[in-house]
Amino acid sequence: MKARRGELILKSKRELDLIRVAASTVSEILDELELLCVPGATTADLDAAAEAKCRERGVTPAFKGLYGFPACLCVAVNEEVVHGIPSKRKVLKDGDIIGLDFGVVYKGWYGDHARTVGVGEVDPATRTLVEVTRRCLEKAAAACHPGGRLCEIGRAVEELAGEYRFGVVRDFVGHGIGRRLHEDPQVPNYFDPHDRQVLKTGMVLCIEPMINAGTHEVRMLSDDWTAVTADGKRSAHFEHTIAVTDNGPEILSRSGFGAARAVAG
């Protein structure tokens, strides 16, 4: 997202519980979609499956219609960075990577999660890009302690990516989340020494490093949604919904407490 400054909304324990269900549901759906990322599948197939799995669980896709986006699932294949539109013409091939970015609404609360997965046999350099991006997210999540600085999240991402001379996308950032998909604060994936925002118990953040094999620069395609790397090299994207708690960071977008279990309970 491209975020703006505004009101910081802290969440209660009950509200965290509802966000946890939403975010966990996203993770469970992406677990199932990941199995469908095989050669010959289309990104439209994945989008249709995502919508069907929302109906099964009684949740609402968060992205469809938001700001005019036409699908439930954002997809990003190879050099695509983020916000790709699913298409019947986009057929996955052996060796591709695909970013799956998805969100749902549960009882008025949003959950958001993204991961990049390989299709068939992926080359070693691409596997390194994907693994480093995943580690960037883990390192950033570990910085989410009350009293810490928001800028340390970006520092964690930038330092690890820099060890591999990967580009950290600056045009898109993470965000707060709650009753809206995009809330304050904005969460850059790079270090901003002028950002003195202090992390507080009750903050819920979507941290989402987008890491490029080459330059950090991106350009937009003619659909006005899909961002691709400026140099045509590959990109990876991971995201978690993370709560800042008195006990440290809690990743809410883990499988295991989705809507089906919540209803059953």
Protein backbone atom coordinates (compact mmCIF):
# COMPACT_ATOMS: atom_id res chain seq x y z
CA MET A 1 0.00 0.00 0.00
CA LYS A 2 0.89 3.69 -0.15
CA ALA A 3 -0.10 4.86 3.32
CA ARG A 4 -0.69 8.20 5.01
CA ARG A 5 -0.27 9.41 8.55
CA GLY A 6 -3.32 9.52 10.79
CA GLU A 7 -4.88 8.10 13.91
CA LEU A 8 -3.15 5.17 15.60
CA ILE A 9 -5.73 2.59 16.73
CA LEU A 10 -4.71 0.19 19.50
CA LYS A 11 -6.60 -3.11 19.76
CA SER A 12 -8.07 -4.78 22.83
CA LYS A 13 -7.59 -8.47 23.61
CA ARG A 14 -11.05 -9.25 22.20
CA GLU A 15 -10.26 -7.37 19.02
CA LEU A 16 -6.94 -9.20 18.70
CA ASP A 17 -8.83 -12.48 19.00
CA LEU A 18 -11.05 -11.53 16.05
CA ILE A 19 -8.11 -10.39 13.93
CA ARG A 20 -6.33 -13.63 14.80
CA VAL A 21 -9.24 -15.64 13.39
CA ALA A 22 -9.27 -13.55 10.20
CA ALA A 23 -5.51 -13.73 9.70
CA SER A 24 -5.31 -17.42 10.53
CA THR A 25 -8.05 -18.09 7.99
CA VAL A 26 -5.96 -16.35 5.34
CA SER A 27 -3.00 -18.56 6.20
CA GLU A 28 -5.09 -21.72 6.01
CA ILE A 29 -6.48 -20.74 2.60
CA LEU A 30 -2.99 -19.96 1.30
CA ASP A 31 -1.82 -23.37 2.59
CA GLU A 32 -4.39 -24.90 0.24
CA LEU A 33 -3.71 -22.53 -2.67
CA GLU A 34 0.00 -23.30 -2.46
CA LEU A 35 -0.77 -26.92 -3.39
CA LEU A 36 -2.50 -25.66 -6.54
CA CYS A 37 0.57 -23.75 -7.78
CA VAL A 38 1.62 -26.36 -10.35
CA PRO A 39 2.65 -26.16 -14.00
CA GLY A 40 -0.39 -25.65 -16.19
CA ALA A 41 -2.51 -23.90 -13.58
CA THR A 42 -3.65 -20.36 -14.35
CA THR A 43 -3.69 -17.48 -11.92
CA ALA A 44 -7.44 -17.23 -12.58
CA ASP A 45 -7.76 -20.82 -11.30
CA LEU A 46 -6.10 -19.74 -8.06
CA ASP A 47 -8.35 -16.72 -7.71
CA ALA A 48 -11.49 -18.83 -8.21
CA ALA A 49 -10.24 -21.33 -5.63
CA ALA A 50 -9.56 -18.54 -3.12
CA GLU A 51 -13.09 -17.19 -3.47
CA ALA A 52 -14.61 -20.66 -3.11
CA LYS A 53 -12.58 -21.31 0.04
CA CYS A 54 -13.87 -18.06 1.53
CA ARG A 55 -17.44 -19.21 0.95
CA GLU A 56 -16.67 -22.54 2.62
CA ARG A 57 -15.44 -20.74 5.74
CA GLY A 58 -18.06 -17.99 5.86
CA VAL A 59 -15.59 -15.12 5.42
CA THR A 60 -15.46 -12.31 2.87
CA PRO A 61 -12.55 -11.74 0.46
CA ALA A 62 -10.93 -8.48 1.52
CA PHE A 63 -9.44 -7.34 -1.77
CA LYS A 64 -12.24 -7.81 -4.31
CA GLY A 65 -13.61 -4.39 -5.19
CA LEU A 66 -11.26 -2.59 -2.79
CA TYR A 67 -10.08 0.60 -4.52
CA GLY A 68 -11.52 -1.03 -7.66
CA PHE A 69 -9.33 -4.15 -7.62
CA PRO A 70 -11.18 -6.75 -9.76
CA ALA A 71 -10.18 -10.02 -8.06
CA CYS A 72 -9.93 -11.75 -4.66
CA LEU A 73 -6.26 -12.67 -4.90
CA CYS A 74 -3.24 -10.55 -5.78
CA VAL A 75 -0.71 -12.58 -7.75
CA ALA A 76 2.87 -11.75 -8.74
CA VAL A 77 4.73 -14.09 -11.10
CA ASN A 78 8.53 -13.87 -11.47
CA GLU A 79 9.42 -10.21 -12.15
CA GLU A 80 6.02 -9.02 -10.90
CA VAL A 81 6.38 -7.45 -7.46
CA VAL A 82 2.84 -7.00 -6.18
CA HIS A 83 -0.84 -6.43 -7.08
CA GLY A 84 -0.94 -8.58 -10.21
CA ILE A 85 -4.46 -9.30 -11.52
CA PRO A 86 -5.32 -13.00 -11.98
CA SER A 87 -5.92 -14.04 -15.60
CA LYS A 88 -6.84 -17.14 -17.57
CA ARG A 89 -3.98 -16.20 -19.90
CA LYS A 90 -1.39 -16.34 -17.13
CA VAL A 91 -0.31 -20.00 -17.09
CA LEU A 92 2.24 -21.16 -14.52
CA LYS A 93 5.35 -22.92 -15.80
CA ASP A 94 7.97 -25.11 -14.20
CA GLY A 95 10.58 -22.91 -12.53
CA ASP A 96 8.27 -19.93 -11.96
CA ILE A 97 7.74 -18.29 -8.61
CA ILE A 98 4.42 -16.76 -7.65
CA GLY A 99 3.55 -14.36 -4.86
CA LEU A 100 0.13 -14.99 -3.32
CA ASP A 101 -1.22 -11.97 -1.44
CA PHE A 102 -4.63 -12.45 0.15
CA GLY A 103 -6.92 -11.07 2.83
CA VAL A 104 -10.31 -11.82 4.39
CA VAL A 105 -12.86 -10.12 6.61
CA TYR A 106 -14.23 -11.99 9.64
CA LYS A 107 -16.99 -10.31 11.68
CA GLY A 108 -15.81 -6.92 10.44
CA TRP A 109 -12.10 -7.49 11.13
CA TYR A 110 -9.37 -7.92 8.54
CA GLY A 111 -6.52 -10.38 8.19
CA ASP A 112 -3.73 -10.14 5.58
CA HIS A 113 -0.95 -12.54 4.62
CA ALA A 114 1.34 -13.16 1.65
CA ARG A 115 3.92 -15.71 0.61
CA THR A 116 5.99 -16.54 -2.46
CA VAL A 117 6.06 -20.15 -3.61
CA GLY A 118 7.92 -22.07 -6.29
CA VAL A 119 6.30 -23.87 -9.19
CA GLY A 120 7.98 -27.19 -9.91
CA GLU A 121 11.79 -27.08 -9.91
CA VAL A 122 13.12 -23.59 -9.13
CA ASP A 123 16.75 -22.60 -9.79
CA PRO A 124 19.12 -22.09 -6.82
CA ALA A 125 19.45 -18.31 -7.23
CA THR A 126 15.68 -17.88 -7.13
CA ARG A 127 15.39 -20.19 -4.13
CA THR A 128 17.90 -17.98 -2.32
CA LEU A 129 15.87 -14.86 -3.14
CA VAL A 130 12.69 -16.43 -1.78
CA GLU A 131 14.35 -17.77 1.37
CA VAL A 132 16.10 -14.48 2.16
CA THR A 133 12.82 -12.59 1.75
CA ARG A 134 11.12 -15.00 4.16
CA ARG A 135 13.96 -14.50 6.64
CA CYS A 136 13.65 -10.72 6.26
CA LEU A 137 10.05 -10.99 7.45
CA GLU A 138 11.04 -13.16 10.41
CA LYS A 139 13.79 -10.75 11.42
CA ALA A 140 11.45 -7.78 11.10
CA ALA A 141 8.74 -9.50 13.14
CA ALA A 142 11.24 -10.09 15.95
CA ALA A 143 11.68 -6.30 16.26
CA CYS A 144 8.02 -5.77 17.24
CA HIS A 145 8.39 -5.19 20.99
CA PRO A 146 6.62 -2.48 23.01
CA GLY A 147 8.90 0.52 23.39
CA GLY A 148 10.87 -0.30 20.27
CA ARG A 149 11.01 1.95 17.24
CA LEU A 150 9.04 1.34 14.07
CA CYS A 151 12.13 2.22 12.04
CA GLU A 152 13.92 -0.85 13.42
CA ILE A 153 11.54 -3.05 11.41
CA GLY A 154 12.80 -1.52 8.19
CA ARG A 155 16.39 -1.67 9.40
CA ALA A 156 16.05 -5.43 10.00
CA VAL A 157 14.79 -6.00 6.45
CA GLU A 158 17.30 -3.72 4.79
CA GLU A 159 20.32 -5.12 6.61
CA LEU A 160 19.59 -8.75 5.74
CA ALA A 161 18.64 -8.04 2.13
CA GLY A 162 21.76 -5.92 1.79
CA GLU A 163 23.99 -8.84 2.71
CA TYR A 164 22.87 -10.46 -0.55
CA ARG A 165 22.86 -7.20 -2.54
CA PHE A 166 19.13 -7.54 -3.12
CA GLY A 167 16.96 -4.49 -3.73
CA VAL A 168 14.39 -3.52 -1.09
CA VAL A 169 11.26 -2.08 -2.71
CA ARG A 170 10.55 1.42 -1.41
CA ASP A 171 7.45 2.34 -3.42
CA PHE A 172 5.18 0.04 -1.39
CA VAL A 173 5.12 -0.44 2.37
CA GLY A 174 3.40 -2.40 5.11
CA HIS A 175 0.56 -1.00 7.19
CA GLY A 176 -1.59 -1.20 10.26
CA ILE A 177 -4.73 -3.33 10.10
CA GLY A 178 -7.99 -3.78 11.99
CA ARG A 179 -11.50 -2.77 10.98
CA ARG A 180 -9.93 -1.49 7.78
CA LEU A 181 -7.39 -3.33 5.67
CA HIS A 182 -5.08 -0.33 5.59
CA GLU A 183 -4.65 1.60 8.82
CA ASP A 184 -1.83 3.66 10.23
CA PRO A 185 1.05 3.50 10.73
CA GLN A 186 2.86 2.89 7.49
CA VAL A 187 5.61 0.27 7.86
CA PRO A 188 8.53 0.80 5.46
CA ASN A 189 10.86 -2.08 4.63
CA TYR A 190 13.85 0.27 4.75
CA PHE A 191 15.42 2.25 7.58
CA ASP A 192 14.10 5.78 7.99
CA PRO A 193 16.15 7.53 10.70
CA HIS A 194 13.57 10.33 10.91
CA ASP A 195 10.73 7.97 11.87
CA ARG A 196 10.53 8.08 15.67
CA GLN A 197 7.23 6.16 16.00
CA VAL A 198 7.30 4.04 19.17
CA LEU A 199 5.71 0.60 19.11
CA LYS A 200 2.88 0.16 21.62
CA THR A 201 1.00 -2.79 23.03
CA GLY A 202 -2.16 -3.27 20.98
CA MET A 203 -0.68 -2.21 17.65
CA VAL A 204 -1.33 -4.66 14.81
CA LEU A 205 0.98 -4.39 11.82
CA CYS A 206 1.21 -6.00 8.44
CA ILE A 207 4.91 -6.28 7.69
CA GLU A 208 5.55 -7.22 4.07
CA PRO A 209 9.06 -7.10 2.63
CA MET A 210 9.18 -7.09 -1.17
CA ILE A 211 12.71 -7.97 -2.21
CA ASN A 212 14.12 -7.82 -5.73
CA ALA A 213 17.02 -9.81 -7.13
CA GLY A 214 18.35 -6.60 -8.69
CA THR A 215 17.39 -2.95 -8.37
CA HIS A 216 14.84 -1.78 -5.80
CA GLU A 217 13.10 0.24 -8.49
CA VAL A 218 9.74 -0.78 -9.91
CA ARG A 219 7.46 0.34 -12.72
CA MET A 220 3.73 0.02 -13.27
CA LEU A 221 2.12 -1.92 -16.10
CA SER A 222 -0.67 -0.48 -18.21
CA ASP A 223 -3.36 -2.12 -16.05
CA ASP A 224 -2.44 0.48 -13.36
CA TRP A 225 -2.21 -2.30 -10.76
CA THR A 226 0.69 -4.62 -11.48
CA ALA A 227 4.10 -3.45 -10.29
CA VAL A 228 7.14 -5.13 -11.87
CA THR A 229 10.87 -4.81 -11.31
CA ALA A 230 12.43 -2.06 -13.40
CA ASP A 231 15.25 -4.35 -14.56
CA GLY A 232 13.12 -7.45 -15.25
CA LYS A 233 14.74 -9.52 -12.50
CA ARG A 234 12.67 -11.60 -10.14
CA SER A 235 10.99 -10.44 -6.95
CA ALA A 236 9.68 -12.17 -3.80
CA HIS A 237 7.10 -11.05 -1.24
CA PHE A 238 6.16 -12.29 2.22
CA GLU A 239 3.73 -10.77 4.72
CA HIS A 240 2.37 -11.50 8.19
CA THR A 241 -0.20 -9.82 10.40
CA ILE A 242 1.65 -9.22 13.67
CA ALA A 243 0.41 -7.98 17.06
CA VAL A 244 2.63 -6.03 19.44
CA THR A 245 1.92 -7.49 22.90
CA ASP A 246 3.37 -7.17 26.39
CA ASN A 247 5.00 -10.55 25.76
CA GLY A 248 6.54 -9.42 22.48
CA PRO A 249 5.46 -9.97 18.88
CA GLU A 250 2.70 -12.44 18.05
CA ILE A 251 2.24 -13.57 14.46
CA LEU A 252 -1.53 -13.76 14.01
CA SER A 253 -1.44 -15.10 10.45
CA ARG A 254 -0.47 -18.65 11.42
CA SER A 255 -2.68 -21.57 10.45
CA GLY A 256 -4.64 -23.23 13.22
CA PHE A 257 -7.29 -20.81 14.43
CA GLY A 258 -9.25 -19.98 11.30
CA ALA A 259 -12.93 -19.26 10.88
CA ALA A 260 -14.01 -22.90 10.64
CA ARG A 261 -12.45 -23.68 14.04
CA ALA A 262 -13.82 -20.46 15.54
CA VAL A 263 -17.35 -21.34 14.43
CA ALA A 264 -16.96 -24.90 15.68
CA GLY A 265 -15.70 -23.61 19.01
